[in-house]
N, C-alpha and C. Protein backbone atom coordinates (compact mmCIF):
# COMPACT_ATOMS: atom_id res chain seq x y z
N UNK A 1 -15.23 -46.60 124.12
CA UNK A 1 -15.74 -45.41 124.90
C UNK A 1 -14.58 -44.40 124.82
N UNK A 2 -13.34 -43.76 124.95
CA UNK A 2 -12.35 -42.72 124.77
C UNK A 2 -12.47 -43.19 123.13
N UNK A 3 -12.18 -43.83 122.11
CA UNK A 3 -12.57 -43.80 121.06
C UNK A 3 -13.50 -43.18 120.07
N UNK A 4 -15.17 -43.89 121.10
CA UNK A 4 -16.57 -42.79 120.34
C UNK A 4 -16.53 -41.62 121.17
N UNK A 5 -15.68 -41.00 122.31
CA UNK A 5 -15.70 -39.61 122.67
C UNK A 5 -14.92 -38.86 121.00
N UNK A 6 -13.80 -39.36 120.85
CA UNK A 6 -12.65 -38.67 120.24
C UNK A 6 -13.63 -38.56 118.83
N UNK A 7 -14.11 -39.24 118.04
CA UNK A 7 -14.84 -39.43 116.82
C UNK A 7 -15.77 -38.05 117.21
N UNK A 8 -16.54 -38.42 118.36
CA UNK A 8 -17.67 -37.32 117.91
C UNK A 8 -17.29 -36.01 118.17
N UNK A 9 -16.38 -35.44 119.12
CA UNK A 9 -15.69 -33.90 118.81
C UNK A 9 -15.26 -33.74 117.90
N UNK A 10 -14.26 -34.90 117.55
CA UNK A 10 -14.08 -34.54 115.58
C UNK A 10 -15.52 -34.56 114.73
N UNK A 11 -16.07 -35.28 114.82
CA UNK A 11 -17.49 -34.97 113.79
C UNK A 11 -17.84 -33.21 114.40
N UNK A 12 -18.30 -32.72 115.36
CA UNK A 12 -18.75 -31.88 115.76
C UNK A 12 -17.73 -30.41 115.38
N UNK A 13 -16.37 -30.69 115.32
CA UNK A 13 -15.79 -29.65 115.14
C UNK A 13 -15.67 -29.81 113.71
N UNK A 14 -15.77 -30.82 112.64
CA UNK A 14 -15.61 -31.26 111.46
C UNK A 14 -16.95 -30.46 111.26
N UNK A 15 -18.29 -30.66 111.16
CA UNK A 15 -19.28 -29.96 111.35
C UNK A 15 -19.52 -28.48 111.10
N UNK A 16 -18.39 -28.02 112.79
CA UNK A 16 -19.08 -26.65 112.49
C UNK A 16 -18.05 -25.79 112.09
N UNK A 17 -17.12 -26.08 111.56
CA UNK A 17 -15.80 -25.81 110.16
C UNK A 17 -17.20 -25.59 108.99
N UNK A 18 -17.72 -26.60 107.85
CA UNK A 18 -18.21 -26.72 107.52
C UNK A 18 -19.69 -25.64 107.62
N UNK A 19 -20.22 -25.23 109.00
CA UNK A 19 -20.89 -24.64 108.55
C UNK A 19 -20.75 -23.32 108.67
N UNK A 20 -19.45 -23.12 108.99
CA UNK A 20 -19.14 -21.90 109.06
C UNK A 20 -18.48 -21.55 107.69
N UNK A 21 -18.11 -22.58 107.30
CA UNK A 21 -18.19 -22.19 105.59
C UNK A 21 -19.06 -21.63 104.91
N UNK A 22 -20.02 -22.40 104.72
CA UNK A 22 -20.97 -22.24 103.97
C UNK A 22 -22.03 -20.97 104.91
N UNK A 23 -22.08 -20.11 106.25
CA UNK A 23 -22.36 -19.23 106.52
C UNK A 23 -21.46 -17.59 105.71
N UNK A 24 -20.14 -18.51 105.36
CA UNK A 24 -19.46 -17.03 104.55
C UNK A 24 -19.73 -17.57 103.60
N UNK A 25 -19.57 -18.48 103.22
CA UNK A 25 -20.28 -18.41 101.82
C UNK A 25 -21.30 -17.79 101.25
N UNK A 26 -22.61 -17.52 101.71
CA UNK A 26 -23.60 -17.50 101.61
C UNK A 26 -23.96 -16.21 101.86
N UNK A 27 -23.52 -15.95 102.92
CA UNK A 27 -22.93 -14.17 102.80
C UNK A 27 -22.15 -13.03 102.45
N UNK A 28 -21.45 -14.01 101.57
CA UNK A 28 -20.79 -13.46 100.30
C UNK A 28 -21.02 -13.12 99.32
N UNK A 29 -22.54 -13.94 98.99
CA UNK A 29 -23.75 -13.62 97.60
C UNK A 29 -24.66 -12.30 97.83
N UNK A 30 -25.15 -12.42 99.39
CA UNK A 30 -25.65 -11.14 100.19
C UNK A 30 -25.50 -9.83 99.27
N UNK A 31 -26.46 -8.99 98.63
CA UNK A 31 -26.70 -7.70 97.91
C UNK A 31 -25.27 -6.52 99.36
N UNK A 32 -24.91 -5.53 98.61
CA UNK A 32 -24.48 -4.75 99.58
C UNK A 32 -25.81 -3.57 99.69
N UNK A 33 -26.53 -3.57 101.18
CA UNK A 33 -27.46 -2.86 101.75
C UNK A 33 -27.10 -1.43 102.11
N UNK A 34 -25.76 -1.83 103.12
CA UNK A 34 -24.90 -0.43 103.91
C UNK A 34 -23.96 0.16 102.85
N UNK A 35 -22.78 1.02 103.70
CA UNK A 35 -22.08 1.12 103.18
C UNK A 35 -21.53 1.98 102.15
N UNK A 36 -20.52 2.69 101.40
CA UNK A 36 -20.24 2.60 100.56
C UNK A 36 -19.60 2.38 99.13
N UNK A 37 -20.04 2.87 98.50
CA UNK A 37 -19.49 1.38 96.60
C UNK A 37 -19.03 2.83 96.05
N UNK A 38 -18.43 2.88 95.50
CA UNK A 38 -17.82 3.40 94.55
C UNK A 38 -17.92 2.39 92.78
N UNK A 39 -19.18 3.27 92.01
CA UNK A 39 -19.25 2.93 90.41
C UNK A 39 -18.41 3.48 89.56
N UNK A 40 -17.84 3.07 88.85
CA UNK A 40 -17.20 3.68 87.51
C UNK A 40 -18.45 5.28 86.53
N UNK A 41 -17.20 5.87 86.28
CA UNK A 41 -18.28 7.00 85.22
C UNK A 41 -19.34 7.57 86.00
N UNK A 42 -19.80 7.67 86.76
CA UNK A 42 -20.45 8.58 87.56
C UNK A 42 -20.22 9.62 87.89
N UNK A 43 -21.34 10.35 87.79
CA UNK A 43 -20.45 11.97 87.15
C UNK A 43 -21.11 13.00 88.45
N UNK A 44 -21.80 12.88 89.32
CA UNK A 44 -22.39 13.01 90.15
C UNK A 44 -22.40 11.99 91.85
N UNK A 45 -22.26 12.60 93.21
CA UNK A 45 -22.49 11.61 93.97
C UNK A 45 -23.80 11.30 94.09
N UNK A 46 -24.06 9.58 93.96
CA UNK A 46 -25.63 9.00 93.93
C UNK A 46 -25.71 8.10 96.17
N UNK A 47 -26.95 8.52 96.06
CA UNK A 47 -26.94 7.53 97.54
C UNK A 47 -28.00 7.14 97.10
N UNK A 48 -28.07 6.19 98.28
CA UNK A 48 -28.85 5.06 97.38
C UNK A 48 -29.62 4.75 99.24
N UNK A 49 -30.52 4.44 99.21
CA UNK A 49 -31.29 4.92 101.01
C UNK A 49 -32.76 2.93 100.69
N UNK A 50 -32.23 2.84 101.07
CA UNK A 50 -32.92 0.55 101.96
C UNK A 50 -33.77 1.82 102.71
N UNK A 51 -35.67 1.21 102.18
CA UNK A 51 -36.35 1.44 103.17
C UNK A 51 -36.77 0.38 103.91
N UNK A 52 -37.71 0.11 105.44
CA UNK A 52 -37.64 -1.09 105.86
C UNK A 52 -37.83 -2.17 104.83
N UNK A 53 -38.81 -1.90 104.12
CA UNK A 53 -38.73 -2.94 102.98
C UNK A 53 -37.99 -3.47 102.12
N UNK A 54 -36.60 -3.41 101.87
CA UNK A 54 -35.76 -3.51 101.34
C UNK A 54 -36.22 -2.94 99.86
N UNK A 55 -36.33 -1.80 99.87
CA UNK A 55 -36.63 -1.22 98.38
C UNK A 55 -35.41 -0.16 98.19
N UNK A 56 -34.85 -0.28 97.22
CA UNK A 56 -34.11 0.44 97.25
C UNK A 56 -34.56 2.15 96.74
N UNK A 57 -33.94 3.36 97.33
CA UNK A 57 -34.16 4.89 96.99
C UNK A 57 -33.23 5.18 96.45
N UNK A 58 -33.20 5.76 95.00
CA UNK A 58 -31.68 6.35 94.89
C UNK A 58 -32.05 7.73 94.18
N UNK A 59 -30.98 8.44 94.72
CA UNK A 59 -30.71 10.02 94.59
C UNK A 59 -29.39 10.72 93.85
N UNK A 60 -29.57 11.05 92.43
CA UNK A 60 -28.92 11.43 91.96
C UNK A 60 -28.59 12.49 91.15
N UNK A 61 -27.64 13.08 91.15
CA UNK A 61 -26.85 14.58 90.34
C UNK A 61 -27.92 14.27 88.90
N UNK A 62 -28.40 13.51 88.38
CA UNK A 62 -28.25 13.10 87.11
C UNK A 62 -29.09 12.10 87.08
N UNK A 63 -29.86 12.59 85.92
CA UNK A 63 -30.85 10.78 85.32
C UNK A 63 -29.47 9.94 84.83
N UNK A 64 -28.91 9.89 83.81
CA UNK A 64 -27.29 9.09 83.28
C UNK A 64 -27.23 8.52 85.00
N UNK A 65 -26.42 9.09 86.13
CA UNK A 65 -25.97 8.76 87.23
C UNK A 65 -27.78 7.51 87.31
N UNK A 66 -28.40 8.00 87.88
CA UNK A 66 -29.32 7.07 88.61
C UNK A 66 -29.65 6.13 87.91
N UNK A 67 -29.78 6.06 86.28
CA UNK A 67 -29.75 5.23 85.97
C UNK A 67 -28.16 3.67 85.52
N UNK A 68 -27.69 4.90 85.77
CA UNK A 68 -25.95 3.75 85.76
C UNK A 68 -26.58 3.06 87.84
N UNK A 69 -26.47 3.65 88.83
CA UNK A 69 -27.13 2.77 90.09
C UNK A 69 -28.38 2.15 89.09
N UNK A 70 -29.15 2.51 88.61
CA UNK A 70 -30.15 1.37 89.41
C UNK A 70 -29.47 -0.18 88.19
N UNK A 71 -29.29 0.06 87.40
CA UNK A 71 -28.86 -1.24 86.98
C UNK A 71 -27.71 -2.04 87.31
N UNK A 72 -26.67 -1.32 88.68
CA UNK A 72 -26.11 -1.77 89.37
C UNK A 72 -26.39 -2.44 90.59
N UNK A 73 -28.10 -2.29 90.49
CA UNK A 73 -28.80 -2.13 91.91
C UNK A 73 -29.15 -3.51 91.16
N UNK A 74 -30.37 -3.50 90.26
CA UNK A 74 -30.70 -4.48 89.41
C UNK A 74 -30.01 -5.77 89.50
N UNK A 75 -28.76 -5.70 89.47
CA UNK A 75 -28.13 -6.48 88.60
C UNK A 75 -27.05 -7.65 90.46
N UNK A 76 -27.42 -6.04 90.96
CA UNK A 76 -27.18 -6.99 92.12
C UNK A 76 -28.11 -7.83 93.31
N UNK A 77 -29.72 -7.32 92.78
CA UNK A 77 -30.51 -8.20 93.55
C UNK A 77 -31.20 -9.23 92.46
N UNK A 78 -31.15 -8.55 91.36
CA UNK A 78 -31.63 -10.20 90.35
C UNK A 78 -30.97 -10.82 89.25
N UNK A 79 -29.12 -10.88 89.50
CA UNK A 79 -28.79 -11.57 88.06
C UNK A 79 -29.16 -12.03 87.55
N UNK A 80 -29.09 -13.58 88.55
CA UNK A 80 -30.00 -14.98 87.77
C UNK A 80 -30.44 -14.48 87.42
N UNK A 81 -32.43 -14.26 87.19
CA UNK A 81 -33.25 -14.24 87.06
C UNK A 81 -33.31 -13.34 85.71
N UNK A 82 -31.99 -11.73 85.62
CA UNK A 82 -32.02 -11.42 84.09
C UNK A 82 -31.61 -11.95 83.25
N UNK A 83 -30.61 -12.92 83.81
CA UNK A 83 -29.78 -13.62 83.39
C UNK A 83 -31.01 -15.12 82.21
N UNK A 84 -32.06 -15.49 83.05
CA UNK A 84 -32.66 -16.42 82.65
C UNK A 84 -33.20 -15.97 81.64
N UNK A 85 -33.59 -14.65 81.85
CA UNK A 85 -34.80 -14.13 81.07
C UNK A 85 -34.37 -13.54 80.04
N UNK A 86 -33.26 -13.31 79.58
CA UNK A 86 -31.85 -12.42 78.79
C UNK A 86 -32.11 -14.46 77.69
N UNK A 87 -31.43 -15.31 78.65
CA UNK A 87 -30.63 -16.41 77.59
C UNK A 87 -32.59 -16.28 77.64
N UNK A 88 -33.63 -16.86 77.91
CA UNK A 88 -35.43 -17.39 77.12
C UNK A 88 -35.42 -16.75 76.12
N UNK A 89 -35.19 -15.30 75.89
CA UNK A 89 -35.26 -13.98 74.69
C UNK A 89 -34.49 -14.65 73.46
N UNK A 90 -32.85 -15.03 73.41
CA UNK A 90 -32.35 -15.80 72.63
C UNK A 90 -32.13 -16.77 72.48
N UNK A 91 -32.98 -17.53 73.11
CA UNK A 91 -33.25 -19.32 73.17
C UNK A 91 -31.81 -20.01 73.04
N UNK A 92 -31.71 -19.53 74.69
CA UNK A 92 -30.07 -20.44 75.16
C UNK A 92 -30.36 -20.87 76.27
N UNK A 93 -31.98 -21.54 76.52
CA UNK A 93 -31.74 -21.58 78.22
C UNK A 93 -31.37 -23.01 78.07
N UNK A 94 -31.53 -23.79 77.18
CA UNK A 94 -31.26 -25.47 77.42
C UNK A 94 -29.59 -25.40 77.07
N UNK A 95 -29.09 -24.40 77.10
CA UNK A 95 -27.65 -24.62 77.02
C UNK A 95 -27.05 -24.92 78.37
N UNK A 96 -27.33 -24.28 79.75
CA UNK A 96 -27.88 -24.55 81.20
C UNK A 96 -28.84 -25.34 81.93
N UNK A 97 -29.93 -25.22 81.07
CA UNK A 97 -31.02 -25.93 82.27
C UNK A 97 -31.20 -27.55 81.57
N UNK A 98 -30.23 -27.65 80.74
CA UNK A 98 -31.00 -28.93 79.91
C UNK A 98 -31.95 -29.46 78.77
N UNK A 99 -31.68 -30.88 78.24
CA UNK A 99 -32.27 -30.49 76.78
C UNK A 99 -33.48 -30.87 76.76
N UNK A 100 -34.90 -30.08 78.27
CA UNK A 100 -36.18 -30.25 78.25
C UNK A 100 -36.79 -29.12 77.08
N UNK A 101 -35.69 -28.14 77.43
CA UNK A 101 -35.52 -26.79 76.31
C UNK A 101 -35.52 -26.16 75.24
N UNK A 102 -34.81 -27.69 74.63
CA UNK A 102 -34.59 -27.23 73.59
C UNK A 102 -35.76 -26.71 72.50
N UNK A 103 -36.58 -27.45 72.70
CA UNK A 103 -38.33 -26.53 72.67
C UNK A 103 -38.20 -25.35 71.79
N UNK A 104 -38.24 -24.80 73.34
CA UNK A 104 -38.42 -23.64 73.95
C UNK A 104 -37.46 -22.83 73.00
N UNK A 105 -36.25 -23.40 73.02
CA UNK A 105 -34.92 -22.47 72.84
C UNK A 105 -35.32 -22.25 71.00
N UNK A 106 -36.18 -23.56 70.36
CA UNK A 106 -36.00 -23.38 69.06
C UNK A 106 -37.52 -22.23 68.62
N UNK A 107 -38.13 -21.73 69.63
CA UNK A 107 -39.56 -21.20 69.36
C UNK A 107 -39.12 -20.03 69.50
N UNK A 108 -37.81 -20.18 70.28
CA UNK A 108 -37.97 -18.04 70.23
C UNK A 108 -36.22 -17.79 69.34
N UNK A 109 -35.78 -18.43 68.56
CA UNK A 109 -34.63 -18.78 67.77
C UNK A 109 -35.62 -18.41 66.64
N UNK A 110 -36.35 -18.85 66.44
CA UNK A 110 -36.98 -18.73 64.90
C UNK A 110 -38.03 -17.68 65.30
N UNK A 111 -38.31 -16.98 66.64
CA UNK A 111 -38.90 -15.96 66.76
C UNK A 111 -37.97 -14.77 66.84
N UNK A 112 -36.74 -14.61 65.95
CA UNK A 112 -35.44 -13.84 65.35
C UNK A 112 -35.20 -13.26 67.02
N UNK A 113 -35.65 -12.88 67.85
CA UNK A 113 -35.37 -11.75 68.96
C UNK A 113 -33.91 -11.11 68.58
N UNK A 114 -33.34 -12.33 68.73
CA UNK A 114 -31.71 -11.78 68.93
C UNK A 114 -31.10 -10.76 68.52
N UNK A 115 -31.50 -11.52 66.70
CA UNK A 115 -31.35 -11.19 65.68
C UNK A 115 -31.84 -9.29 65.60
N UNK A 116 -33.10 -9.23 66.14
CA UNK A 116 -33.87 -7.97 65.94
C UNK A 116 -33.56 -6.90 66.83
N UNK A 117 -32.77 -7.55 67.75
CA UNK A 117 -31.95 -6.72 68.61
C UNK A 117 -30.92 -6.01 68.47
N UNK A 118 -30.13 -6.66 67.85
CA UNK A 118 -28.90 -5.93 66.73
C UNK A 118 -29.58 -5.46 66.00
N UNK A 119 -30.58 -5.65 65.07
CA UNK A 119 -30.57 -5.17 63.59
C UNK A 119 -31.65 -3.20 63.74
N UNK A 120 -32.38 -3.98 64.98
CA UNK A 120 -32.78 -2.48 65.40
C UNK A 120 -32.00 -1.59 66.25
N UNK A 121 -31.16 -1.59 66.50
CA UNK A 121 -29.91 -0.92 66.97
C UNK A 121 -29.09 -0.36 65.76
N UNK A 122 -29.22 -0.61 65.05
CA UNK A 122 -27.97 -0.73 63.96
C UNK A 122 -28.99 1.08 62.94
N UNK A 123 -30.45 1.29 63.24
CA UNK A 123 -31.06 2.30 62.79
C UNK A 123 -31.69 3.41 63.77
N UNK A 124 -30.34 3.57 64.70
CA UNK A 124 -31.46 4.27 65.93
C UNK A 124 -30.23 4.84 66.54
N UNK A 125 -30.33 6.12 67.18
CA UNK A 125 -29.04 7.39 67.27
C UNK A 125 -28.48 6.84 68.22
N UNK A 126 -27.58 6.45 68.34
CA UNK A 126 -27.40 5.74 70.01
C UNK A 126 -26.58 7.08 70.99
N UNK A 127 -26.97 8.34 70.40
CA UNK A 127 -26.53 9.26 71.46
C UNK A 127 -27.25 10.46 71.69
N UNK A 128 -28.56 10.03 71.54
CA UNK A 128 -29.75 10.11 71.86
C UNK A 128 -30.33 10.31 73.38
N UNK A 129 -30.57 11.19 74.14
CA UNK A 129 -30.93 10.89 75.57
C UNK A 129 -30.86 9.71 75.82
N UNK A 130 -32.49 9.01 75.57
CA UNK A 130 -33.14 7.36 75.41
C UNK A 130 -32.02 6.37 75.72
N UNK A 131 -31.35 6.89 74.57
CA UNK A 131 -29.89 5.38 74.62
C UNK A 131 -28.61 5.77 75.17
N UNK A 132 -28.90 7.11 75.68
CA UNK A 132 -27.64 7.20 75.94
C UNK A 132 -27.88 6.90 78.21
N UNK A 133 -29.46 7.31 78.46
CA UNK A 133 -28.92 6.69 79.62
C UNK A 133 -29.27 4.94 79.87
N UNK A 134 -30.07 4.34 78.49
CA UNK A 134 -30.37 2.78 78.29
C UNK A 134 -28.56 2.59 78.30
N UNK A 135 -27.68 2.97 78.28
CA UNK A 135 -26.26 2.41 78.17
C UNK A 135 -26.06 2.80 79.07
N UNK A 136 -26.16 3.86 80.44
CA UNK A 136 -25.66 3.72 81.41
C UNK A 136 -26.26 2.56 82.07
N UNK A 137 -27.79 2.15 82.36
CA UNK A 137 -27.86 1.11 83.07
C UNK A 137 -26.92 -0.08 82.81
N UNK A 138 -27.12 -0.51 81.74
CA UNK A 138 -26.02 -1.56 81.24
C UNK A 138 -24.99 -1.25 81.62
N UNK A 139 -24.38 0.18 81.43
CA UNK A 139 -22.33 -0.22 82.56
C UNK A 139 -23.16 -0.46 83.82
N UNK A 140 -24.65 0.26 84.63
CA UNK A 140 -24.46 -0.25 85.49
C UNK A 140 -24.63 -2.17 85.49
N UNK A 141 -25.22 -2.61 85.27
CA UNK A 141 -25.47 -3.90 85.07
C UNK A 141 -24.04 -4.82 84.68
N UNK A 142 -22.95 -3.72 84.30
CA UNK A 142 -22.43 -4.42 83.62
C UNK A 142 -21.29 -4.88 84.63
N UNK A 143 -20.46 -3.11 85.45
CA UNK A 143 -19.42 -3.16 86.67
C UNK A 143 -20.30 -4.04 87.72
N UNK A 144 -21.28 -4.70 88.08
CA UNK A 144 -21.47 -5.53 89.03
C UNK A 144 -21.45 -6.90 88.73
N UNK A 145 -21.51 -7.04 87.47
CA UNK A 145 -21.10 -8.45 86.73
C UNK A 145 -19.49 -8.47 86.84
N UNK A 146 -18.44 -7.40 86.25
CA UNK A 146 -17.36 -8.04 86.53
C UNK A 146 -17.06 -7.39 88.31
N UNK A 147 -17.60 -6.46 88.70
CA UNK A 147 -16.38 -5.76 90.10
C UNK A 147 -17.95 -7.14 91.65
N UNK A 148 -19.04 -7.14 91.49
CA UNK A 148 -19.93 -7.52 91.69
C UNK A 148 -19.80 -9.42 92.07
N UNK A 149 -20.24 -9.92 93.38
CA UNK A 149 -20.22 -11.45 93.58
C UNK A 149 -20.78 -12.11 92.97
N UNK A 150 -20.17 -13.50 92.73
CA UNK A 150 -21.43 -13.76 91.48
C UNK A 150 -22.32 -14.90 92.01
N UNK A 151 -23.86 -14.51 91.65
CA UNK A 151 -25.23 -15.00 92.87
C UNK A 151 -24.79 -16.63 92.25
N UNK A 152 -25.25 -17.54 93.96
CA UNK A 152 -25.28 -18.44 93.88
C UNK A 152 -25.49 -19.53 92.92
N UNK A 153 -26.54 -19.09 92.10
CA UNK A 153 -26.71 -19.83 91.28
C UNK A 153 -26.39 -20.30 89.85
N UNK A 154 -25.54 -18.97 90.04
CA UNK A 154 -24.49 -19.39 88.75
C UNK A 154 -23.39 -20.28 88.74
N UNK A 155 -22.99 -20.26 90.46
CA UNK A 155 -22.35 -20.98 90.62
C UNK A 155 -22.85 -22.83 91.08
N UNK A 156 -24.10 -22.97 90.79
CA UNK A 156 -24.22 -24.33 91.20
C UNK A 156 -24.38 -24.69 89.77
N UNK A 157 -25.23 -23.51 88.51
CA UNK A 157 -25.29 -24.06 87.59
C UNK A 157 -24.46 -24.39 86.64
N UNK A 158 -23.08 -23.26 87.42
CA UNK A 158 -22.17 -24.09 86.41
C UNK A 158 -22.04 -22.38 85.40
N UNK A 159 -23.19 -21.11 85.49
CA UNK A 159 -23.46 -20.53 84.65
C UNK A 159 -22.09 -19.66 84.36
N UNK A 160 -21.16 -19.15 83.54
CA UNK A 160 -20.22 -18.42 83.23
C UNK A 160 -21.43 -16.79 82.94
N UNK A 161 -21.18 -15.22 83.80
CA UNK A 161 -21.04 -14.53 83.94
C UNK A 161 -20.64 -13.54 82.44
N UNK A 162 -21.25 -13.25 81.96
CA UNK A 162 -21.41 -12.49 80.49
C UNK A 162 -21.97 -11.06 80.79
N UNK A 163 -21.08 -10.18 79.55
CA UNK A 163 -21.56 -9.16 79.83
C UNK A 163 -22.78 -8.83 78.98
N UNK A 164 -23.75 -7.21 79.57
CA UNK A 164 -24.75 -7.18 78.82
C UNK A 164 -24.56 -5.93 77.45
N UNK A 165 -25.90 -5.91 76.44
CA UNK A 165 -25.80 -5.04 75.51
C UNK A 165 -27.43 -4.56 75.32
N UNK A 166 -26.82 -3.61 74.58
CA UNK A 166 -28.57 -2.78 74.45
C UNK A 166 -29.42 -3.70 73.52
N UNK A 167 -28.29 -4.62 72.79
CA UNK A 167 -29.18 -5.10 71.37
C UNK A 167 -30.22 -6.77 73.07
N UNK A 168 -29.58 -7.37 73.94
CA UNK A 168 -29.89 -7.52 75.00
C UNK A 168 -31.29 -6.88 74.91
N UNK A 169 -31.46 -5.79 76.26
CA UNK A 169 -32.29 -5.35 76.10
C UNK A 169 -33.58 -5.16 74.95
N UNK A 170 -33.64 -5.15 74.02
CA UNK A 170 -34.43 -5.17 73.10
C UNK A 170 -34.68 -6.73 72.25
N UNK A 171 -33.85 -7.22 72.81
CA UNK A 171 -34.40 -8.87 72.59
C UNK A 171 -35.42 -9.34 73.69
N UNK A 172 -35.02 -8.85 74.73
CA UNK A 172 -35.80 -9.21 76.39
C UNK A 172 -37.68 -8.13 75.93
N UNK A 173 -37.31 -7.23 75.34
CA UNK A 173 -38.48 -6.37 75.48
C UNK A 173 -39.10 -7.45 73.96
N UNK A 174 -38.18 -8.30 73.02
CA UNK A 174 -39.11 -8.33 72.27
C UNK A 174 -40.09 -10.01 73.40
N UNK A 175 -39.43 -10.34 73.74
CA UNK A 175 -39.75 -11.89 74.47
C UNK A 175 -41.05 -10.99 75.62
N UNK A 176 -40.92 -9.50 76.44
CA UNK A 176 -42.07 -9.44 76.78
C UNK A 176 -42.89 -9.38 75.83
N UNK A 177 -42.86 -8.33 74.94
CA UNK A 177 -44.22 -7.99 74.09
C UNK A 177 -44.70 -9.30 74.00
N UNK A 178 -44.40 -10.80 73.50
CA UNK A 178 -43.92 -11.60 73.31
C UNK A 178 -45.08 -12.11 74.04
N UNK A 179 -44.36 -12.10 75.34
CA UNK A 179 -45.65 -13.02 76.36
C UNK A 179 -46.81 -11.90 76.68
N UNK A 180 -47.00 -11.49 76.67
CA UNK A 180 -47.45 -10.22 77.03
C UNK A 180 -49.21 -10.12 75.61
N UNK A 181 -48.84 -10.95 74.74
CA UNK A 181 -49.53 -11.11 73.53
C UNK A 181 -50.52 -12.49 73.33
N UNK A 182 -49.42 -13.68 74.32
CA UNK A 182 -49.40 -14.52 74.47
C UNK A 182 -50.53 -14.76 76.00
N UNK A 183 -50.29 -13.82 76.65
CA UNK A 183 -51.42 -13.84 77.77
C UNK A 183 -52.68 -13.51 77.70
N UNK A 184 -52.44 -12.24 76.61
CA UNK A 184 -53.42 -12.14 76.38
C UNK A 184 -54.52 -13.06 75.94
N UNK A 185 -54.26 -13.83 74.66
CA UNK A 185 -54.62 -14.58 74.27
C UNK A 185 -55.68 -15.74 74.84
N UNK A 186 -54.61 -16.44 75.94
CA UNK A 186 -54.80 -16.95 76.70
C UNK A 186 -56.13 -16.76 77.94
N UNK A 187 -55.83 -15.10 78.68
CA UNK A 187 -57.49 -14.53 79.21
C UNK A 187 -58.38 -14.20 78.76
C-alpha cells in the first residue's frame, strides 16, 4: 500500500512537471502583444495597439517604419503560414511535408516563379519608394526570424528558419496570380 502511494505521488509530480514544462514552452511561442520591443532600423517611434479582437493598429512617423513594423507583426503572427506559401511558390513543399507533394512542387518549379522573382528584380530601381518600403517590410520579417521565438510548427517539422528576400515576395505574388486564375476558371 505504501509503495502504491509513493508511485501515485511520483506520477503526479512527474505529470505536474511535464505540464509545467509544456505550458512554459507553449507560452514562449505566443506573439508579444504587450510591452516594449526594439526594432532595428526604425527612424521614429512606432506604436502598435491591439484592439479587443487582437487586430494590430500601427502608428508610425514614416511609411518605411510602418512597413518594417508590419513585417515584424506578420512574421510574429503568421511565420509558418508564410513559410508554407513561400515554399509552395518555389516548389519546395515536399522537402518538409513529404513525397506526396512532389507533383505540386514539380508544377510550381515548371512555372518558374522562383526564377521570375529574381529576374524581375534585376530590372527594377530598388531605390524607388515602393521598393524601399518593400525592403523595410522584408527587414521586419527578417528581424523576427532572427530574434523572435521559433514557431512550434517549425520545431515539430524540423524546418530551419531562413531569411526572406524581395525575390520571395515576387514569387509569392506569382503564386497568388496563378491561384486566382485557377479559382476563376473553377468558379
